[in-house]
Amino acid sequence: MAASEKTPASATVWYFVGATFVLMIPMLWVHDLPWGVRVASIALGGALIAVGIRRLRREVLPPDATDDES
């Protein structure tokens, strides 16, 4: 691999970055959120983390070691 080539950015990183923003920004910037919105943001952040972990597992493990082929 040449020194000038860059490795492509992984989509997994963006799931974790998105989860960080979804979990923290509503709590830090808007203090008067109803409890339903707070619960929804926590659920969405948790879902993004779960998808990120699943994609990370696909990237790290060899293709024959994964049990789901979707």
PDB file of N, CA and C in Angstrom:
ATOM      1  N   MET A   1       0.844  -1.170   0.000  1.00  0.00           N
ATOM      2  CA  MET A   1       0.000   0.000   0.000  1.00  0.00           C
ATOM      3  C   MET A   1       0.890   1.234   0.000  1.00  0.00           C
ATOM      4  N   ALA A   2       0.617   2.148  -0.872  1.00  0.00           N
ATOM      5  CA  ALA A   2       1.419   3.357  -0.976  1.00  0.00           C
ATOM      6  C   ALA A   2       1.153   4.285   0.206  1.00  0.00           C
ATOM      7  N   ALA A   3       2.112   5.122   0.513  1.00  0.00           N
ATOM      8  CA  ALA A   3       1.983   6.022   1.654  1.00  0.00           C
ATOM      9  C   ALA A   3       0.922   7.090   1.423  1.00  0.00           C
ATOM     10  N   SER A   4       0.644   7.426   0.165  1.00  0.00           N
ATOM     11  CA  SER A   4      -0.324   8.490  -0.100  1.00  0.00           C
ATOM     12  C   SER A   4      -1.769   7.998  -0.081  1.00  0.00           C
ATOM     13  N   GLU A   5      -1.989   6.676  -0.109  1.00  0.00           N
ATOM     14  CA  GLU A   5      -3.343   6.150  -0.095  1.00  0.00           C
ATOM     15  C   GLU A   5      -3.923   6.244   1.315  1.00  0.00           C
ATOM     16  N   LYS A   6      -5.201   6.599   1.388  1.00  0.00           N
ATOM     17  CA  LYS A   6      -5.885   6.670   2.670  1.00  0.00           C
ATOM     18  C   LYS A   6      -6.824   5.484   2.794  1.00  0.00           C
ATOM     19  N   THR A   7      -6.970   5.005   4.018  1.00  0.00           N
ATOM     20  CA  THR A   7      -7.935   3.938   4.233  1.00  0.00           C
ATOM     21  C   THR A   7      -9.328   4.545   4.249  1.00  0.00           C
ATOM     22  N   PRO A   8     -10.322   3.857   3.683  1.00  0.00           N
ATOM     23  CA  PRO A   8     -11.667   4.416   3.669  1.00  0.00           C
ATOM     24  C   PRO A   8     -12.249   4.474   5.083  1.00  0.00           C
ATOM     25  N   ALA A   9     -13.034   5.490   5.332  1.00  0.00           N
ATOM     26  CA  ALA A   9     -13.656   5.647   6.644  1.00  0.00           C
ATOM     27  C   ALA A   9     -14.715   4.572   6.826  1.00  0.00           C
ATOM     28  N   SER A  10     -14.723   3.998   7.986  1.00  0.00           N
ATOM     29  CA  SER A  10     -15.675   2.945   8.298  1.00  0.00           C
ATOM     30  C   SER A  10     -17.028   3.547   8.663  1.00  0.00           C
ATOM     31  N   ALA A  11     -18.087   2.929   8.192  1.00  0.00           N
ATOM     32  CA  ALA A  11     -19.435   3.385   8.545  1.00  0.00           C
ATOM     33  C   ALA A  11     -19.730   3.124  10.016  1.00  0.00           C
ATOM     34  N   THR A  12     -19.029   2.163  10.598  1.00  0.00           N
ATOM     35  CA  THR A  12     -19.237   1.840  12.003  1.00  0.00           C
ATOM     36  C   THR A  12     -18.938   3.036  12.894  1.00  0.00           C
ATOM     37  N   VAL A  13     -17.887   3.757  12.566  1.00  0.00           N
ATOM     38  CA  VAL A  13     -17.512   4.932  13.360  1.00  0.00           C
ATOM     39  C   VAL A  13     -18.642   5.947  13.368  1.00  0.00           C
ATOM     40  N   TRP A  14     -19.306   6.123  12.244  1.00  0.00           N
ATOM     41  CA  TRP A  14     -20.367   7.119  12.160  1.00  0.00           C
ATOM     42  C   TRP A  14     -21.600   6.722  12.965  1.00  0.00           C
ATOM     43  N   TYR A  15     -21.842   5.425  13.139  1.00  0.00           N
ATOM     44  CA  TYR A  15     -22.939   5.009  14.023  1.00  0.00           C
ATOM     45  C   TYR A  15     -22.642   5.408  15.465  1.00  0.00           C
ATOM     46  N   PHE A  16     -21.398   5.223  15.899  1.00  0.00           N
ATOM     47  CA  PHE A  16     -21.045   5.594  17.267  1.00  0.00           C
ATOM     48  C   PHE A  16     -21.024   7.116  17.453  1.00  0.00           C
ATOM     49  N   VAL A  17     -20.570   7.842  16.458  1.00  0.00           N
ATOM     50  CA  VAL A  17     -20.597   9.312  16.530  1.00  0.00           C
ATOM     51  C   VAL A  17     -22.041   9.801  16.575  1.00  0.00           C
ATOM     52  N   GLY A  18     -22.889   9.244  15.729  1.00  0.00           N
ATOM     53  CA  GLY A  18     -24.301   9.616  15.726  1.00  0.00           C
ATOM     54  C   GLY A  18     -24.969   9.298  17.053  1.00  0.00           C
ATOM     55  N   ALA A  19     -24.642   8.146  17.633  1.00  0.00           N
ATOM     56  CA  ALA A  19     -25.212   7.790  18.933  1.00  0.00           C
ATOM     57  C   ALA A  19     -24.776   8.777  20.006  1.00  0.00           C
ATOM     58  N   THR A  20     -23.533   9.213  19.944  1.00  0.00           N
ATOM     59  CA  THR A  20     -23.047  10.199  20.913  1.00  0.00           C
ATOM     60  C   THR A  20     -23.835  11.496  20.823  1.00  0.00           C
ATOM     61  N   PHE A  21     -24.051  11.979  19.606  1.00  0.00           N
ATOM     62  CA  PHE A  21     -24.810  13.219  19.441  1.00  0.00           C
ATOM     63  C   PHE A  21     -26.265  13.054  19.836  1.00  0.00           C
ATOM     64  N   VAL A  22     -26.876  11.943  19.460  1.00  0.00           N
ATOM     65  CA  VAL A  22     -28.283  11.725  19.797  1.00  0.00           C
ATOM     66  C   VAL A  22     -28.469  11.624  21.306  1.00  0.00           C
ATOM     67  N   LEU A  23     -27.519  11.030  21.993  1.00  0.00           N
ATOM     68  CA  LEU A  23     -27.645  10.869  23.438  1.00  0.00           C
ATOM     69  C   LEU A  23     -27.303  12.137  24.218  1.00  0.00           C
ATOM     70  N   MET A  24     -26.347  12.926  23.737  1.00  0.00           N
ATOM     71  CA  MET A  24     -25.871  14.036  24.557  1.00  0.00           C
ATOM     72  C   MET A  24     -26.469  15.402  24.230  1.00  0.00           C
ATOM     73  N   ILE A  25     -26.645  15.724  22.978  1.00  0.00           N
ATOM     74  CA  ILE A  25     -27.080  17.075  22.623  1.00  0.00           C
ATOM     75  C   ILE A  25     -28.454  17.442  23.189  1.00  0.00           C
ATOM     76  N   PRO A  26     -29.462  16.577  23.090  1.00  0.00           N
ATOM     77  CA  PRO A  26     -30.745  16.979  23.682  1.00  0.00           C
ATOM     78  C   PRO A  26     -30.655  17.197  25.190  1.00  0.00           C
ATOM     79  N   MET A  27     -29.825  16.438  25.862  1.00  0.00           N
ATOM     80  CA  MET A  27     -29.712  16.569  27.319  1.00  0.00           C
ATOM     81  C   MET A  27     -28.926  17.820  27.720  1.00  0.00           C
ATOM     82  N   LEU A  28     -27.958  18.218  26.895  1.00  0.00           N
ATOM     83  CA  LEU A  28     -27.111  19.355  27.255  1.00  0.00           C
ATOM     84  C   LEU A  28     -27.699  20.692  26.829  1.00  0.00           C
ATOM     85  N   TRP A  29     -28.329  20.760  25.660  1.00  0.00           N
ATOM     86  CA  TRP A  29     -28.758  22.047  25.123  1.00  0.00           C
ATOM     87  C   TRP A  29     -30.206  22.393  25.432  1.00  0.00           C
ATOM     88  N   VAL A  30     -31.052  21.415  25.560  1.00  0.00           N
ATOM     89  CA  VAL A  30     -32.472  21.682  25.805  1.00  0.00           C
ATOM     90  C   VAL A  30     -32.832  21.049  27.147  1.00  0.00           C
ATOM     91  N   HIS A  31     -32.996  21.878  28.161  1.00  0.00           N
ATOM     92  CA  HIS A  31     -33.208  21.368  29.511  1.00  0.00           C
ATOM     93  C   HIS A  31     -34.678  21.104  29.814  1.00  0.00           C
ATOM     94  N   ASP A  32     -35.592  21.644  29.027  1.00  0.00           N
ATOM     95  CA  ASP A  32     -37.020  21.512  29.313  1.00  0.00           C
ATOM     96  C   ASP A  32     -37.704  20.496  28.402  1.00  0.00           C
ATOM     97  N   LEU A  33     -37.006  19.441  28.037  1.00  0.00           N
ATOM     98  CA  LEU A  33     -37.605  18.422  27.181  1.00  0.00           C
ATOM     99  C   LEU A  33     -38.592  17.582  27.984  1.00  0.00           C
ATOM    100  N   PRO A  34     -39.705  17.226  27.374  1.00  0.00           N
ATOM    101  CA  PRO A  34     -40.616  16.295  28.054  1.00  0.00           C
ATOM    102  C   PRO A  34     -39.955  14.922  28.217  1.00  0.00           C
ATOM    103  N   TRP A  35     -40.420  14.170  29.184  1.00  0.00           N
ATOM    104  CA  TRP A  35     -39.791  12.885  29.463  1.00  0.00           C
ATOM    105  C   TRP A  35     -39.903  11.934  28.279  1.00  0.00           C
ATOM    106  N   GLY A  36     -40.952  12.030  27.495  1.00  0.00           N
ATOM    107  CA  GLY A  36     -41.112  11.158  26.330  1.00  0.00           C
ATOM    108  C   GLY A  36     -40.031  11.386  25.287  1.00  0.00           C
ATOM    109  N   VAL A  37     -39.662  12.636  25.080  1.00  0.00           N
ATOM    110  CA  VAL A  37     -38.599  12.953  24.115  1.00  0.00           C
ATOM    111  C   VAL A  37     -37.262  12.459  24.636  1.00  0.00           C
ATOM    112  N   ARG A  38     -37.032  12.588  25.917  1.00  0.00           N
ATOM    113  CA  ARG A  38     -35.782  12.097  26.503  1.00  0.00           C
ATOM    114  C   ARG A  38     -35.675  10.574  26.370  1.00  0.00           C
ATOM    115  N   VAL A  39     -36.773   9.879  26.654  1.00  0.00           N
ATOM    116  CA  VAL A  39     -36.779   8.419  26.524  1.00  0.00           C
ATOM    117  C   VAL A  39     -36.564   8.015  25.068  1.00  0.00           C
ATOM    118  N   ALA A  40     -37.207   8.740  24.131  1.00  0.00           N
ATOM    119  CA  ALA A  40     -37.043   8.436  22.710  1.00  0.00           C
ATOM    120  C   ALA A  40     -35.605   8.664  22.257  1.00  0.00           C
ATOM    121  N   SER A  41     -34.960   9.717  22.742  1.00  0.00           N
ATOM    122  CA  SER A  41     -33.569   9.957  22.346  1.00  0.00           C
ATOM    123  C   SER A  41     -32.647   8.895  22.925  1.00  0.00           C
ATOM    124  N   ILE A  42     -32.937   8.426  24.135  1.00  0.00           N
ATOM    125  CA  ILE A  42     -32.136   7.354  24.717  1.00  0.00           C
ATOM    126  C   ILE A  42     -32.335   6.063  23.931  1.00  0.00           C
ATOM    127  N   ALA A  43     -33.576   5.787  23.524  1.00  0.00           N
ATOM    128  CA  ALA A  43     -33.847   4.583  22.738  1.00  0.00           C
ATOM    129  C   ALA A  43     -33.167   4.654  21.371  1.00  0.00           C
ATOM    130  N   LEU A  44     -33.228   5.814  20.722  1.00  0.00           N
ATOM    131  CA  LEU A  44     -32.574   5.965  19.423  1.00  0.00           C
ATOM    132  C   LEU A  44     -31.054   5.843  19.553  1.00  0.00           C
ATOM    133  N   GLY A  45     -30.487   6.446  20.580  1.00  0.00           N
ATOM    134  CA  GLY A  45     -29.050   6.316  20.816  1.00  0.00           C
ATOM    135  C   GLY A  45     -28.647   4.877  21.082  1.00  0.00           C
ATOM    136  N   GLY A  46     -29.448   4.156  21.853  1.00  0.00           N
ATOM    137  CA  GLY A  46     -29.176   2.754  22.106  1.00  0.00           C
ATOM    138  C   GLY A  46     -29.263   1.910  20.847  1.00  0.00           C
ATOM    139  N   ALA A  47     -30.228   2.240  19.990  1.00  0.00           N
ATOM    140  CA  ALA A  47     -30.357   1.516  18.726  1.00  0.00           C
ATOM    141  C   ALA A  47     -29.154   1.770  17.821  1.00  0.00           C
ATOM    142  N   LEU A  48     -28.681   3.006  17.776  1.00  0.00           N
ATOM    143  CA  LEU A  48     -27.491   3.318  16.979  1.00  0.00           C
ATOM    144  C   LEU A  48     -26.257   2.588  17.506  1.00  0.00           C
ATOM    145  N   ILE A  49     -26.136   2.485  18.815  1.00  0.00           N
ATOM    146  CA  ILE A  49     -25.020   1.743  19.394  1.00  0.00           C
ATOM    147  C   ILE A  49     -25.119   0.264  19.022  1.00  0.00           C
ATOM    148  N   ALA A  50     -26.321  -0.295  19.084  1.00  0.00           N
ATOM    149  CA  ALA A  50     -26.503  -1.704  18.739  1.00  0.00           C
ATOM    150  C   ALA A  50     -26.152  -1.973  17.280  1.00  0.00           C
ATOM    151  N   VAL A  51     -26.588  -1.089  16.378  1.00  0.00           N
ATOM    152  CA  VAL A  51     -26.261  -1.252  14.960  1.00  0.00           C
ATOM    153  C   VAL A  51     -24.753  -1.092  14.749  1.00  0.00           C
ATOM    154  N   GLY A  52     -24.138  -0.148  15.451  1.00  0.00           N
ATOM    155  CA  GLY A  52     -22.695   0.040  15.343  1.00  0.00           C
ATOM    156  C   GLY A  52     -21.926  -1.175  15.817  1.00  0.00           C
ATOM    157  N   ILE A  53     -22.371  -1.799  16.905  1.00  0.00           N
ATOM    158  CA  ILE A  53     -21.706  -3.002  17.404  1.00  0.00           C
ATOM    159  C   ILE A  53     -21.865  -4.145  16.403  1.00  0.00           C
ATOM    160  N   ARG A  54     -23.038  -4.257  15.808  1.00  0.00           N
ATOM    161  CA  ARG A  54     -23.254  -5.319  14.822  1.00  0.00           C
ATOM    162  C   ARG A  54     -22.353  -5.133  13.599  1.00  0.00           C
ATOM    163  N   ARG A  55     -22.249  -3.885  13.110  1.00  0.00           N
ATOM    164  CA  ARG A  55     -21.383  -3.624  11.956  1.00  0.00           C
ATOM    165  C   ARG A  55     -19.915  -3.826  12.319  1.00  0.00           C
ATOM    166  N   LEU A  56     -19.525  -3.446  13.517  1.00  0.00           N
ATOM    167  CA  LEU A  56     -18.148  -3.658  13.958  1.00  0.00           C
ATOM    168  C   LEU A  56     -17.829  -5.148  14.010  1.00  0.00           C
ATOM    169  N   ARG A  57     -18.768  -5.928  14.478  1.00  0.00           N
ATOM    170  CA  ARG A  57     -18.569  -7.372  14.524  1.00  0.00           C
ATOM    171  C   ARG A  57     -18.376  -7.946  13.125  1.00  0.00           C
ATOM    172  N   ARG A  58     -19.141  -7.433  12.164  1.00  0.00           N
ATOM    173  CA  ARG A  58     -18.991  -7.895  10.784  1.00  0.00           C
ATOM    174  C   ARG A  58     -17.633  -7.516  10.209  1.00  0.00           C
ATOM    175  N   GLU A  59     -17.124  -6.344  10.570  1.00  0.00           N
ATOM    176  CA  GLU A  59     -15.841  -5.894  10.038  1.00  0.00           C
ATOM    177  C   GLU A  59     -14.661  -6.629  10.675  1.00  0.00           C
ATOM    178  N   VAL A  60     -14.780  -6.966  11.952  1.00  0.00           N
ATOM    179  CA  VAL A  60     -13.663  -7.555  12.672  1.00  0.00           C
ATOM    180  C   VAL A  60     -13.569  -9.056  12.443  1.00  0.00           C
ATOM    181  N   LEU A  61     -14.697  -9.751  12.488  1.00  0.00           N
ATOM    182  CA  LEU A  61     -14.683 -11.202  12.333  1.00  0.00           C
ATOM    183  C   LEU A  61     -14.546 -11.590  10.867  1.00  0.00           C
ATOM    184  N   PRO A  62     -13.914 -12.725  10.590  1.00  0.00           N
ATOM    185  CA  PRO A  62     -13.852 -13.199   9.207  1.00  0.00           C
ATOM    186  C   PRO A  62     -15.249 -13.585   8.714  1.00  0.00           C
ATOM    187  N   PRO A  63     -15.466 -13.562   7.400  1.00  0.00           N
ATOM    188  CA  PRO A  63     -16.811 -13.818   6.868  1.00  0.00           C
ATOM    189  C   PRO A  63     -17.397 -15.172   7.258  1.00  0.00           C
ATOM    190  N   ASP A  64     -16.591 -16.214   7.409  1.00  0.00           N
ATOM    191  CA  ASP A  64     -17.126 -17.516   7.758  1.00  0.00           C
ATOM    192  C   ASP A  64     -17.446 -17.658   9.242  1.00  0.00           C
ATOM    193  N   ALA A  65     -17.007 -16.705  10.072  1.00  0.00           N
ATOM    194  CA  ALA A  65     -17.262 -16.785  11.515  1.00  0.00           C
ATOM    195  C   ALA A  65     -18.584 -16.154  11.917  1.00  0.00           C
ATOM    196  N   THR A  66     -19.212 -15.373  11.045  1.00  0.00           N
ATOM    197  CA  THR A  66     -20.484 -14.742  11.386  1.00  0.00           C
ATOM    198  C   THR A  66     -21.610 -15.733  11.189  1.00  0.00           C
ATOM    199  N   ASP A  67     -22.581 -15.685  12.108  1.00  0.00           N
ATOM    200  CA  ASP A  67     -23.682 -16.627  12.005  1.00  0.00           C
ATOM    201  C   ASP A  67     -24.847 -16.111  11.177  1.00  0.00           C
ATOM    202  N   ASP A  68     -24.884 -14.809  10.874  1.00  0.00           N
ATOM    203  CA  ASP A  68     -25.943 -14.275  10.011  1.00  0.00           C
ATOM    204  C   ASP A  68     -25.327 -13.811   8.706  1.00  0.00           C
ATOM    205  N   GLU A  69     -25.929 -14.148   7.637  1.00  0.00           N
ATOM    206  CA  GLU A  69     -25.385 -13.850   6.302  1.00  0.00           C
ATOM    207  C   GLU A  69     -26.160 -12.745   5.611  1.00  0.00           C
ATOM    208  N   SER A  70     -26.932 -11.950   6.331  1.00  0.00           N
ATOM    209  CA  SER A  70     -27.715 -10.890   5.695  1.00  0.00           C
ATOM    210  C   SER A  70     -26.931  -9.644   5.456  1.00  0.00           C
TER     211      SER A  70
END
